[in-house]
Amino acid sequence: MTSKAKITFMGTPEFAVPSLEKLISEGHRIEAVITQPDRPRGRGRQVQPSPVKIKAMEYGLPVYQPEKVKDPSFLEQLQKINPDLIVVVAFGQILPPEVLHLPPLGCINVHPSLLPKYRGPAPINWTLIRGEEVTGVTIMEMDEGIDTGNIILQETTAVLPDEIYDELHNRLALLGANLLVKAIDLLQEGKTTKSPQDHSAATYAPMIKKNDTLINWNQKTKDIINFIRGLSSTPGAFTFLDGKILKIFRARQGKEFPPAPPGTIRVGEGNSLMVASADGWVEVLELQLEGKKRMDTPSFLRGHRGSISTKLG
């Protein structure tokens, strides 16, 4: 039986936690966990450890939190750890050549898209925003580019019609964890086939910024619904209602009503809330008005029906 490789795990957000847990449960030797420094998080902006740090500490694993992985002091520390393999899952820093070339088995990455599609920091968001019907996970051999390395393994999965970001994120995190273990087993046995990416087919998934999350009611219904799905729950697609920010977390194709100017509100039967788009109506299912709790539309309308304006935006 092949002895287990010494692994250094690099990851930060919730997406990386299933991969770390899977490696531990399969008996892999996690010599060190590298994660981002504690940062202000949540509504109170209190300094908190990353989800990966919390999980690593539960298992008593050594945790390192360099501000920059290229700092000489950290590189010296990593050389002392002397990993056979570095596993990277949504770590949040670009690895310098000194790190990429250190472990004999290389550095591998769990990326939630079917590379070369959606390279970059926000592949799940853009998969949904662009209305993709199929996605998946890639285990990639890292090089000095951004998600440009050779593909070790890929697994596809259908995007469910009403799936929002949170749900697809969680599914792909689990899919990636299982595929990661398979890839490591192949690496240790020397049975991997590494396929170069077709760079001509590459697309990029840039970071989502706050200015990118405003709903444009002049778009088509389907595009608006996909936009909402791709940003739910965080950071949340938003519009304005009477000058206040209104976040929308779930929506679907509305009933066929006579056309109206985009953004026009129509309160229908059964406490339904419809908003006109460029080619029809969007039915809002779940929302949150600035300063209020997130709620379903009927609950929202019970408190606002008499005062709601006639247009969003």
C-alpha atoms as a PDB file:
ATOM      1  CA  MET A   1       0.000   0.000   0.000  1.00  0.00           C
ATOM      2  CA  THR A   2       1.305   3.471  -0.901  1.00  0.00           C
ATOM      3  CA  SER A   3       2.173   5.568   2.170  1.00  0.00           C
ATOM      4  CA  LYS A   4       0.162   8.751   2.621  1.00  0.00           C
ATOM      5  CA  ALA A   5       1.772  11.933   1.335  1.00  0.00           C
ATOM      6  CA  LYS A   6       2.503  14.803   3.715  1.00  0.00           C
ATOM      7  CA  ILE A   7      -0.060  17.442   2.762  1.00  0.00           C
ATOM      8  CA  THR A   8      -0.160  21.156   3.449  1.00  0.00           C
ATOM      9  CA  PHE A   9      -3.703  22.470   3.030  1.00  0.00           C
ATOM     10  CA  MET A  10      -4.319  26.064   1.917  1.00  0.00           C
ATOM     11  CA  GLY A  11      -7.873  27.381   2.134  1.00  0.00           C
ATOM     12  CA  THR A  12      -9.974  30.068   3.764  1.00  0.00           C
ATOM     13  CA  PRO A  13     -13.792  30.242   3.238  1.00  0.00           C
ATOM     14  CA  GLU A  14     -16.630  27.815   3.854  1.00  0.00           C
ATOM     15  CA  PHE A  15     -16.185  26.321   0.370  1.00  0.00           C
ATOM     16  CA  ALA A  16     -12.843  24.822   1.457  1.00  0.00           C
ATOM     17  CA  VAL A  17     -14.086  23.172   4.647  1.00  0.00           C
ATOM     18  CA  PRO A  18     -15.568  19.986   3.084  1.00  0.00           C
ATOM     19  CA  SER A  19     -12.256  19.323   1.301  1.00  0.00           C
ATOM     20  CA  LEU A  20     -10.300  19.619   4.559  1.00  0.00           C
ATOM     21  CA  GLU A  21     -12.792  17.397   6.376  1.00  0.00           C
ATOM     22  CA  LYS A  22     -12.704  14.803   3.598  1.00  0.00           C
ATOM     23  CA  LEU A  23      -8.904  14.610   3.662  1.00  0.00           C
ATOM     24  CA  ILE A  24      -8.969  14.140   7.436  1.00  0.00           C
ATOM     25  CA  SER A  25     -11.697  11.483   7.316  1.00  0.00           C
ATOM     26  CA  GLU A  26      -9.767   9.561   4.641  1.00  0.00           C
ATOM     27  CA  GLY A  27      -6.680   9.458   6.874  1.00  0.00           C
ATOM     28  CA  HIS A  28      -4.462  11.801   4.876  1.00  0.00           C
ATOM     29  CA  ARG A  29      -1.500  13.367   6.683  1.00  0.00           C
ATOM     30  CA  ILE A  30      -2.283  17.071   7.079  1.00  0.00           C
ATOM     31  CA  GLU A  31       1.015  18.504   8.314  1.00  0.00           C
ATOM     32  CA  ALA A  32      -0.129  22.133   8.261  1.00  0.00           C
ATOM     33  CA  VAL A  33      -3.101  24.329   7.399  1.00  0.00           C
ATOM     34  CA  ILE A  34      -2.461  27.736   5.812  1.00  0.00           C
ATOM     35  CA  THR A  35      -5.300  30.254   5.874  1.00  0.00           C
ATOM     36  CA  GLN A  36      -5.845  33.983   5.677  1.00  0.00           C
ATOM     37  CA  PRO A  37      -5.317  36.116   8.807  1.00  0.00           C
ATOM     38  CA  ASP A  38      -8.318  36.737  11.050  1.00  0.00           C
ATOM     39  CA  ARG A  39     -10.461  39.495   9.511  1.00  0.00           C
ATOM     40  CA  PRO A  40     -13.524  41.575  10.434  1.00  0.00           C
ATOM     41  CA  ARG A  41     -16.554  39.551   9.326  1.00  0.00           C
ATOM     42  CA  GLY A  42     -20.324  39.596   9.552  1.00  0.00           C
ATOM     43  CA  ARG A  43     -22.721  42.401  10.389  1.00  0.00           C
ATOM     44  CA  GLY A  44     -20.842  43.450  13.530  1.00  0.00           C
ATOM     45  CA  ARG A  45     -17.501  43.490  11.658  1.00  0.00           C
ATOM     46  CA  GLN A  46     -15.787  41.749  14.570  1.00  0.00           C
ATOM     47  CA  VAL A  47     -12.432  40.132  13.920  1.00  0.00           C
ATOM     48  CA  GLN A  48     -13.028  36.415  13.429  1.00  0.00           C
ATOM     49  CA  PRO A  49     -11.042  33.386  12.255  1.00  0.00           C
ATOM     50  CA  SER A  50     -11.733  31.912   8.839  1.00  0.00           C
ATOM     51  CA  PRO A  51     -14.009  28.847   8.553  1.00  0.00           C
ATOM     52  CA  VAL A  52     -10.942  26.763   7.626  1.00  0.00           C
ATOM     53  CA  LYS A  53      -9.054  27.891  10.732  1.00  0.00           C
ATOM     54  CA  ILE A  54     -12.022  27.023  12.937  1.00  0.00           C
ATOM     55  CA  LYS A  55     -12.222  23.529  11.417  1.00  0.00           C
ATOM     56  CA  ALA A  56      -8.451  22.975  11.610  1.00  0.00           C
ATOM     57  CA  MET A  57      -8.412  23.922  15.291  1.00  0.00           C
ATOM     58  CA  GLU A  58     -11.224  21.433  15.976  1.00  0.00           C
ATOM     59  CA  TYR A  59      -8.855  18.717  14.792  1.00  0.00           C
ATOM     60  CA  GLY A  60      -5.778  20.154  16.522  1.00  0.00           C
ATOM     61  CA  LEU A  61      -3.940  20.840  13.267  1.00  0.00           C
ATOM     62  CA  PRO A  62      -1.101  23.401  13.119  1.00  0.00           C
ATOM     63  CA  VAL A  63      -2.404  26.652  11.567  1.00  0.00           C
ATOM     64  CA  TYR A  64      -0.329  29.374   9.880  1.00  0.00           C
ATOM     65  CA  GLN A  65      -1.766  32.723   8.773  1.00  0.00           C
ATOM     66  CA  PRO A  66       0.708  34.709   6.665  1.00  0.00           C
ATOM     67  CA  GLU A  67      -0.314  38.161   5.447  1.00  0.00           C
ATOM     68  CA  LYS A  68       1.535  37.290   2.236  1.00  0.00           C
ATOM     69  CA  VAL A  69       2.735  33.832   1.272  1.00  0.00           C
ATOM     70  CA  LYS A  70       5.680  35.359  -0.596  1.00  0.00           C
ATOM     71  CA  ASP A  71       7.162  36.807   2.623  1.00  0.00           C
ATOM     72  CA  PRO A  72      10.619  35.272   3.232  1.00  0.00           C
ATOM     73  CA  SER A  73       9.723  34.356   6.828  1.00  0.00           C
ATOM     74  CA  PHE A  74       6.739  32.291   5.679  1.00  0.00           C
ATOM     75  CA  LEU A  75       8.660  30.663   2.825  1.00  0.00           C
ATOM     76  CA  GLU A  76      11.271  29.579   5.349  1.00  0.00           C
ATOM     77  CA  GLN A  77       8.539  28.127   7.549  1.00  0.00           C
ATOM     78  CA  LEU A  78       7.015  26.252   4.612  1.00  0.00           C
ATOM     79  CA  GLN A  79      10.395  24.767   3.724  1.00  0.00           C
ATOM     80  CA  LYS A  80      10.640  23.427   7.279  1.00  0.00           C
ATOM     81  CA  ILE A  81       7.167  21.880   6.976  1.00  0.00           C
ATOM     82  CA  ASN A  82       8.474  20.230   3.785  1.00  0.00           C
ATOM     83  CA  PRO A  83       5.177  19.018   2.265  1.00  0.00           C
ATOM     84  CA  ASP A  84       4.987  16.329  -0.407  1.00  0.00           C
ATOM     85  CA  LEU A  85       1.860  17.999  -1.795  1.00  0.00           C
ATOM     86  CA  ILE A  86       0.098  21.335  -1.385  1.00  0.00           C
ATOM     87  CA  VAL A  87      -3.696  21.346  -1.748  1.00  0.00           C
ATOM     88  CA  VAL A  88      -5.280  24.737  -2.466  1.00  0.00           C
ATOM     89  CA  VAL A  89      -9.022  25.355  -2.124  1.00  0.00           C
ATOM     90  CA  ALA A  90     -10.166  28.998  -2.339  1.00  0.00           C
ATOM     91  CA  PHE A  91      -7.143  30.228  -0.405  1.00  0.00           C
ATOM     92  CA  GLY A  92      -7.310  33.844  -1.539  1.00  0.00           C
ATOM     93  CA  GLN A  93      -3.672  34.589  -2.408  1.00  0.00           C
ATOM     94  CA  ILE A  94      -1.646  33.925  -5.549  1.00  0.00           C
ATOM     95  CA  LEU A  95       1.152  31.451  -4.894  1.00  0.00           C
ATOM     96  CA  PRO A  96       4.662  32.549  -5.932  1.00  0.00           C
ATOM     97  CA  PRO A  97       6.965  30.204  -7.904  1.00  0.00           C
ATOM     98  CA  GLU A  98       8.902  29.375  -4.720  1.00  0.00           C
ATOM     99  CA  VAL A  99       5.766  27.749  -3.308  1.00  0.00           C
ATOM    100  CA  LEU A 100       4.532  26.174  -6.557  1.00  0.00           C
ATOM    101  CA  HIS A 101       7.816  24.362  -7.128  1.00  0.00           C
ATOM    102  CA  LEU A 102       8.467  23.298  -3.517  1.00  0.00           C
ATOM    103  CA  PRO A 103       6.505  20.032  -3.075  1.00  0.00           C
ATOM    104  CA  PRO A 104       7.573  16.978  -5.114  1.00  0.00           C
ATOM    105  CA  LEU A 105       3.946  16.172  -6.019  1.00  0.00           C
ATOM    106  CA  GLY A 106       3.237  19.808  -6.870  1.00  0.00           C
ATOM    107  CA  CYS A 107       0.329  22.071  -5.925  1.00  0.00           C
ATOM    108  CA  ILE A 108      -3.205  21.120  -6.870  1.00  0.00           C
ATOM    109  CA  ASN A 109      -6.345  23.219  -6.774  1.00  0.00           C
ATOM    110  CA  VAL A 110     -10.072  22.539  -6.434  1.00  0.00           C
ATOM    111  CA  HIS A 111     -11.871  24.938  -8.789  1.00  0.00           C
ATOM    112  CA  PRO A 112     -15.703  25.073  -9.016  1.00  0.00           C
ATOM    113  CA  SER A 113     -16.117  25.232 -12.781  1.00  0.00           C
ATOM    114  CA  LEU A 114     -15.349  23.160 -15.843  1.00  0.00           C
ATOM    115  CA  LEU A 115     -12.068  24.804 -16.768  1.00  0.00           C
ATOM    116  CA  PRO A 116     -11.141  26.553 -18.981  1.00  0.00           C
ATOM    117  CA  LYS A 117     -14.598  28.130 -18.496  1.00  0.00           C
ATOM    118  CA  TYR A 118     -14.907  30.629 -15.660  1.00  0.00           C
ATOM    119  CA  ARG A 119     -11.336  31.070 -14.542  1.00  0.00           C
ATOM    120  CA  GLY A 120     -10.967  33.549 -11.718  1.00  0.00           C
ATOM    121  CA  PRO A 121     -12.416  34.298  -8.273  1.00  0.00           C
ATOM    122  CA  ALA A 122     -16.207  34.068  -8.830  1.00  0.00           C
ATOM    123  CA  PRO A 123     -16.993  31.063 -11.054  1.00  0.00           C
ATOM    124  CA  ILE A 124     -20.168  29.958  -9.252  1.00  0.00           C
ATOM    125  CA  ASN A 125     -21.702  33.427  -9.399  1.00  0.00           C
ATOM    126  CA  TRP A 126     -21.077  33.780 -13.118  1.00  0.00           C
ATOM    127  CA  THR A 127     -22.208  30.237 -13.908  1.00  0.00           C
ATOM    128  CA  LEU A 128     -25.651  31.190 -12.614  1.00  0.00           C
ATOM    129  CA  ILE A 129     -25.686  34.768 -13.918  1.00  0.00           C
ATOM    130  CA  ARG A 130     -24.900  33.491 -17.422  1.00  0.00           C
ATOM    131  CA  GLY A 131     -27.654  30.889 -17.190  1.00  0.00           C
ATOM    132  CA  GLU A 132     -25.442  27.829 -17.589  1.00  0.00           C
ATOM    133  CA  GLU A 133     -27.274  24.518 -17.409  1.00  0.00           C
ATOM    134  CA  VAL A 134     -24.178  22.405 -16.716  1.00  0.00           C
ATOM    135  CA  THR A 135     -21.216  23.073 -14.439  1.00  0.00           C
ATOM    136  CA  GLY A 136     -18.815  21.012 -12.353  1.00  0.00           C
ATOM    137  CA  VAL A 137     -15.510  20.871 -10.518  1.00  0.00           C
ATOM    138  CA  THR A 138     -11.948  20.713 -11.817  1.00  0.00           C
ATOM    139  CA  ILE A 139      -8.902  19.380  -9.967  1.00  0.00           C
ATOM    140  CA  MET A 140      -6.014  21.247 -11.559  1.00  0.00           C
ATOM    141  CA  GLU A 141      -2.236  21.160 -11.361  1.00  0.00           C
ATOM    142  CA  MET A 142      -1.307  24.733 -10.466  1.00  0.00           C
ATOM    143  CA  ASP A 143       1.107  26.829 -12.509  1.00  0.00           C
ATOM    144  CA  GLU A 144       1.993  30.525 -12.448  1.00  0.00           C
ATOM    145  CA  GLY A 145      -1.162  31.599 -14.323  1.00  0.00           C
ATOM    146  CA  ILE A 146      -4.667  32.199 -12.984  1.00  0.00           C
ATOM    147  CA  ASP A 147      -6.408  28.805 -13.193  1.00  0.00           C
ATOM    148  CA  THR A 148      -4.423  27.895 -16.318  1.00  0.00           C
ATOM    149  CA  GLY A 149      -2.765  24.651 -15.180  1.00  0.00           C
ATOM    150  CA  ASN A 150      -3.191  21.120 -16.491  1.00  0.00           C
ATOM    151  CA  ILE A 151      -6.446  19.332 -15.671  1.00  0.00           C
ATOM    152  CA  ILE A 152      -6.110  16.221 -13.491  1.00  0.00           C
ATOM    153  CA  LEU A 153      -9.805  15.359 -13.031  1.00  0.00           C
ATOM    154  CA  GLN A 154     -13.184  16.907 -13.813  1.00  0.00           C
ATOM    155  CA  GLU A 155     -16.727  16.012 -12.846  1.00  0.00           C
ATOM    156  CA  THR A 156     -19.864  17.588 -14.293  1.00  0.00           C
ATOM    157  CA  THR A 157     -23.241  18.236 -12.697  1.00  0.00           C
ATOM    158  CA  ALA A 158     -26.465  19.781 -13.928  1.00  0.00           C
ATOM    159  CA  VAL A 159     -27.415  23.222 -12.640  1.00  0.00           C
ATOM    160  CA  LEU A 160     -30.909  22.893 -11.203  1.00  0.00           C
ATOM    161  CA  PRO A 161     -33.476  25.307 -12.720  1.00  0.00           C
ATOM    162  CA  ASP A 162     -34.237  27.271  -9.524  1.00  0.00           C
ATOM    163  CA  GLU A 163     -30.874  26.782  -7.802  1.00  0.00           C
ATOM    164  CA  ILE A 164     -29.373  29.856  -6.155  1.00  0.00           C
ATOM    165  CA  TYR A 165     -25.716  30.562  -5.412  1.00  0.00           C
ATOM    166  CA  ASP A 166     -25.816  29.223  -1.828  1.00  0.00           C
ATOM    167  CA  GLU A 167     -27.215  25.874  -2.951  1.00  0.00           C
ATOM    168  CA  LEU A 168     -24.886  25.376  -5.904  1.00  0.00           C
ATOM    169  CA  HIS A 169     -21.908  26.501  -3.783  1.00  0.00           C
ATOM    170  CA  ASN A 170     -22.631  23.808  -1.196  1.00  0.00           C
ATOM    171  CA  ARG A 171     -23.117  21.075  -3.797  1.00  0.00           C
ATOM    172  CA  LEU A 172     -19.891  21.921  -5.615  1.00  0.00           C
ATOM    173  CA  ALA A 173     -17.950  22.093  -2.338  1.00  0.00           C
ATOM    174  CA  LEU A 174     -18.919  18.479  -1.595  1.00  0.00           C
ATOM    175  CA  LEU A 175     -18.349  17.372  -5.180  1.00  0.00           C
ATOM    176  CA  GLY A 176     -14.910  18.987  -5.099  1.00  0.00           C
ATOM    177  CA  ALA A 177     -13.975  17.307  -1.821  1.00  0.00           C
ATOM    178  CA  ASN A 178     -14.776  13.844  -3.173  1.00  0.00           C
ATOM    179  CA  LEU A 179     -12.965  14.486  -6.440  1.00  0.00           C
ATOM    180  CA  LEU A 180      -9.930  15.846  -4.579  1.00  0.00           C
ATOM    181  CA  VAL A 181      -9.451  12.576  -2.709  1.00  0.00           C
ATOM    182  CA  LYS A 182      -9.598  10.626  -5.969  1.00  0.00           C
ATOM    183  CA  ALA A 183      -7.009  12.935  -7.540  1.00  0.00           C
ATOM    184  CA  ILE A 184      -4.605  12.586  -4.599  1.00  0.00           C
ATOM    185  CA  ASP A 185      -4.860   8.804  -4.721  1.00  0.00           C
ATOM    186  CA  LEU A 186      -3.984   8.888  -8.433  1.00  0.00           C
ATOM    187  CA  LEU A 187      -1.072  11.272  -7.805  1.00  0.00           C
ATOM    188  CA  GLN A 188       0.406   9.071  -5.100  1.00  0.00           C
ATOM    189  CA  GLU A 189       0.099   6.010  -7.322  1.00  0.00           C
ATOM    190  CA  GLY A 190       1.619   7.831 -10.304  1.00  0.00           C
ATOM    191  CA  LYS A 191      -1.501   7.183 -12.380  1.00  0.00           C
ATOM    192  CA  THR A 192      -2.580  10.724 -13.230  1.00  0.00           C
ATOM    193  CA  THR A 193      -3.076  11.930 -16.772  1.00  0.00           C
ATOM    194  CA  LYS A 194      -2.666  15.697 -16.930  1.00  0.00           C
ATOM    195  CA  SER A 195      -4.460  17.354 -19.829  1.00  0.00           C
ATOM    196  CA  PRO A 196      -3.550  20.881 -20.977  1.00  0.00           C
ATOM    197  CA  GLN A 197      -6.406  23.365 -21.072  1.00  0.00           C
ATOM    198  CA  ASP A 198      -7.666  24.792 -24.350  1.00  0.00           C
ATOM    199  CA  HIS A 199      -6.741  28.411 -23.643  1.00  0.00           C
ATOM    200  CA  SER A 200      -8.666  29.623 -26.694  1.00  0.00           C
ATOM    201  CA  ALA A 201     -11.892  28.490 -25.010  1.00  0.00           C
ATOM    202  CA  ALA A 202     -11.192  30.250 -21.705  1.00  0.00           C
ATOM    203  CA  THR A 203     -13.675  32.610 -20.061  1.00  0.00           C
ATOM    204  CA  TYR A 204     -13.119  34.729 -16.955  1.00  0.00           C
ATOM    205  CA  ALA A 205     -15.222  35.092 -13.805  1.00  0.00           C
ATOM    206  CA  PRO A 206     -14.218  38.400 -12.194  1.00  0.00           C
ATOM    207  CA  MET A 207     -14.830  39.300  -8.569  1.00  0.00           C
ATOM    208  CA  ILE A 208     -18.346  40.581  -7.879  1.00  0.00           C
ATOM    209  CA  LYS A 209     -18.272  44.153  -6.548  1.00  0.00           C
ATOM    210  CA  LYS A 210     -21.123  46.046  -4.890  1.00  0.00           C
ATOM    211  CA  ASN A 211     -21.618  48.200  -7.979  1.00  0.00           C
ATOM    212  CA  ASP A 212     -22.173  45.011 -10.002  1.00  0.00           C
ATOM    213  CA  THR A 213     -25.204  43.895  -7.970  1.00  0.00           C
ATOM    214  CA  LEU A 214     -27.812  46.494  -9.007  1.00  0.00           C
ATOM    215  CA  ILE A 215     -30.738  44.928 -10.890  1.00  0.00           C
ATOM    216  CA  ASN A 216     -31.390  46.376 -14.348  1.00  0.00           C
ATOM    217  CA  TRP A 217     -35.126  46.017 -14.963  1.00  0.00           C
ATOM    218  CA  ASN A 218     -34.559  46.887 -18.636  1.00  0.00           C
ATOM    219  CA  GLN A 219     -33.134  43.397 -19.154  1.00  0.00           C
ATOM    220  CA  LYS A 220     -35.142  40.340 -20.154  1.00  0.00           C
ATOM    221  CA  THR A 221     -36.980  38.371 -17.478  1.00  0.00           C
ATOM    222  CA  LYS A 222     -34.748  35.307 -17.736  1.00  0.00           C
ATOM    223  CA  ASP A 223     -31.568  37.390 -17.427  1.00  0.00           C
ATOM    224  CA  ILE A 224     -32.895  39.209 -14.356  1.00  0.00           C
ATOM    225  CA  ILE A 225     -33.850  35.933 -12.656  1.00  0.00           C
ATOM    226  CA  ASN A 226     -30.409  34.449 -13.366  1.00  0.00           C
ATOM    227  CA  PHE A 227     -28.763  37.611 -12.034  1.00  0.00           C
ATOM    228  CA  ILE A 228     -30.700  37.285  -8.774  1.00  0.00           C
ATOM    229  CA  ARG A 229     -29.855  33.563  -8.510  1.00  0.00           C
ATOM    230  CA  GLY A 230     -26.156  34.215  -9.032  1.00  0.00           C
ATOM    231  CA  LEU A 231     -25.947  36.734  -6.183  1.00  0.00           C
ATOM    232  CA  SER A 232     -28.137  35.027  -3.575  1.00  0.00           C
ATOM    233  CA  SER A 233     -27.626  35.191  -0.687  1.00  0.00           C
ATOM    234  CA  THR A 234     -24.372  37.172  -0.559  1.00  0.00           C
ATOM    235  CA  PRO A 235     -23.916  39.928  -1.608  1.00  0.00           C
ATOM    236  CA  GLY A 236     -27.527  39.902  -2.875  1.00  0.00           C
ATOM    237  CA  ALA A 237     -28.951  41.563  -5.984  1.00  0.00           C
ATOM    238  CA  PHE A 238     -30.625  44.849  -5.117  1.00  0.00           C
ATOM    239  CA  THR A 239     -32.932  47.554  -6.378  1.00  0.00           C
ATOM    240  CA  PHE A 240     -34.522  50.597  -4.740  1.00  0.00           C
ATOM    241  CA  LEU A 241     -38.001  50.926  -3.218  1.00  0.00           C
ATOM    242  CA  ASP A 242     -38.933  54.461  -2.200  1.00  0.00           C
ATOM    243  CA  GLY A 243     -35.254  55.359  -1.877  1.00  0.00           C
ATOM    244  CA  LYS A 244     -34.391  52.344   0.306  1.00  0.00           C
ATOM    245  CA  ILE A 245     -32.272  49.377  -0.747  1.00  0.00           C
ATOM    246  CA  LEU A 246     -34.386  46.314  -1.500  1.00  0.00           C
ATOM    247  CA  LYS A 247     -32.483  43.038  -1.865  1.00  0.00           C
ATOM    248  CA  ILE A 248     -34.123  40.228  -3.828  1.00  0.00           C
ATOM    249  CA  PHE A 249     -33.004  36.660  -3.115  1.00  0.00           C
ATOM    250  CA  ARG A 250     -35.418  34.519  -5.118  1.00  0.00           C
ATOM    251  CA  ALA A 251     -37.545  35.188  -8.179  1.00  0.00           C
ATOM    252  CA  ARG A 252     -39.205  33.314 -11.016  1.00  0.00           C
ATOM    253  CA  GLN A 253     -40.995  33.879 -14.307  1.00  0.00           C
ATOM    254  CA  GLY A 254     -44.134  35.928 -13.628  1.00  0.00           C
ATOM    255  CA  LYS A 255     -47.577  35.514 -15.121  1.00  0.00           C
ATOM    256  CA  GLU A 256     -48.386  37.067 -18.470  1.00  0.00           C
ATOM    257  CA  PHE A 257     -49.812  40.503 -17.875  1.00  0.00           C
ATOM    258  CA  PRO A 258     -50.058  43.416 -20.312  1.00  0.00           C
ATOM    259  CA  PRO A 259     -46.652  45.079 -20.846  1.00  0.00           C
ATOM    260  CA  ALA A 260     -45.602  47.936 -18.547  1.00  0.00           C
ATOM    261  CA  PRO A 261     -42.488  50.148 -18.214  1.00  0.00           C
ATOM    262  CA  PRO A 262     -39.569  48.125 -16.728  1.00  0.00           C
ATOM    263  CA  GLY A 263     -39.538  48.313 -12.924  1.00  0.00           C
ATOM    264  CA  THR A 264     -43.314  48.760 -12.640  1.00  0.00           C
ATOM    265  CA  ILE A 265     -44.755  46.950  -9.613  1.00  0.00           C
ATOM    266  CA  ARG A 266     -47.946  44.899  -9.751  1.00  0.00           C
ATOM    267  CA  VAL A 267     -49.365  43.299  -6.609  1.00  0.00           C
ATOM    268  CA  GLY A 268     -51.378  40.297  -7.697  1.00  0.00           C
ATOM    269  CA  GLU A 269     -53.604  37.603  -6.271  1.00  0.00           C
ATOM    270  CA  GLY A 270     -52.365  35.608  -3.309  1.00  0.00           C
ATOM    271  CA  ASN A 271     -49.983  38.356  -2.184  1.00  0.00           C
ATOM    272  CA  SER A 272     -47.755  37.993  -5.237  1.00  0.00           C
ATOM    273  CA  LEU A 273     -45.377  40.758  -6.236  1.00  0.00           C
ATOM    274  CA  MET A 274     -44.609  41.199  -9.939  1.00  0.00           C
ATOM    275  CA  VAL A 275     -42.066  43.576 -11.477  1.00  0.00           C
ATOM    276  CA  ALA A 276     -42.067  44.449 -15.171  1.00  0.00           C
ATOM    277  CA  SER A 277     -38.985  43.617 -17.239  1.00  0.00           C
ATOM    278  CA  ALA A 278     -38.094  44.333 -20.867  1.00  0.00           C
ATOM    279  CA  ASP A 279     -40.128  41.370 -22.117  1.00  0.00           C
ATOM    280  CA  GLY A 280     -42.526  40.370 -19.366  1.00  0.00           C
ATOM    281  CA  TRP A 281     -42.813  40.112 -15.593  1.00  0.00           C
ATOM    282  CA  VAL A 282     -40.567  38.858 -12.774  1.00  0.00           C
ATOM    283  CA  GLU A 283     -42.292  37.396  -9.717  1.00  0.00           C
ATOM    284  CA  VAL A 284     -40.376  38.233  -6.530  1.00  0.00           C
ATOM    285  CA  LEU A 285     -40.433  35.373  -3.986  1.00  0.00           C
ATOM    286  CA  GLU A 286     -38.003  36.374  -1.235  1.00  0.00           C
ATOM    287  CA  LEU A 287     -36.687  39.820  -0.353  1.00  0.00           C
ATOM    288  CA  GLN A 288     -35.290  42.135   2.309  1.00  0.00           C
ATOM    289  CA  LEU A 289     -35.935  45.849   2.697  1.00  0.00           C
ATOM    290  CA  GLU A 290     -33.142  47.977   4.158  1.00  0.00           C
ATOM    291  CA  GLY A 291     -33.274  47.785   7.964  1.00  0.00           C
ATOM    292  CA  LYS A 292     -35.688  44.833   7.957  1.00  0.00           C
ATOM    293  CA  LYS A 293     -35.433  41.049   8.104  1.00  0.00           C
ATOM    294  CA  ARG A 294     -35.303  38.787   5.073  1.00  0.00           C
ATOM    295  CA  MET A 295     -38.768  37.371   4.367  1.00  0.00           C
ATOM    296  CA  ASP A 296     -41.026  35.810   1.767  1.00  0.00           C
ATOM    297  CA  THR A 297     -43.164  38.105  -0.368  1.00  0.00           C
ATOM    298  CA  PRO A 298     -46.548  37.459   1.333  1.00  0.00           C
ATOM    299  CA  SER A 299     -45.018  38.359   4.723  1.00  0.00           C
ATOM    300  CA  PHE A 300     -43.479  41.500   3.215  1.00  0.00           C
ATOM    301  CA  LEU A 301     -46.738  42.612   1.605  1.00  0.00           C
ATOM    302  CA  ARG A 302     -48.721  42.174   4.810  1.00  0.00           C
ATOM    303  CA  GLY A 303     -46.628  44.969   6.275  1.00  0.00           C
ATOM    304  CA  HIS A 304     -46.240  47.170   3.201  1.00  0.00           C
ATOM    305  CA  ARG A 305     -49.205  46.588   0.906  1.00  0.00           C
ATOM    306  CA  GLY A 306     -50.865  49.932   1.597  1.00  0.00           C
ATOM    307  CA  SER A 307     -47.682  52.005   1.286  1.00  0.00           C
ATOM    308  CA  ILE A 308     -45.797  50.302  -1.540  1.00  0.00           C
ATOM    309  CA  SER A 309     -44.888  52.533  -4.491  1.00  0.00           C
ATOM    310  CA  THR A 310     -45.652  51.728  -8.124  1.00  0.00           C
ATOM    311  CA  LYS A 311     -42.092  51.350  -9.376  1.00  0.00           C
ATOM    312  CA  LEU A 312     -38.686  49.928  -8.411  1.00  0.00           C
ATOM    313  CA  GLY A 313     -35.352  51.462  -9.254  1.00  0.00           C
END
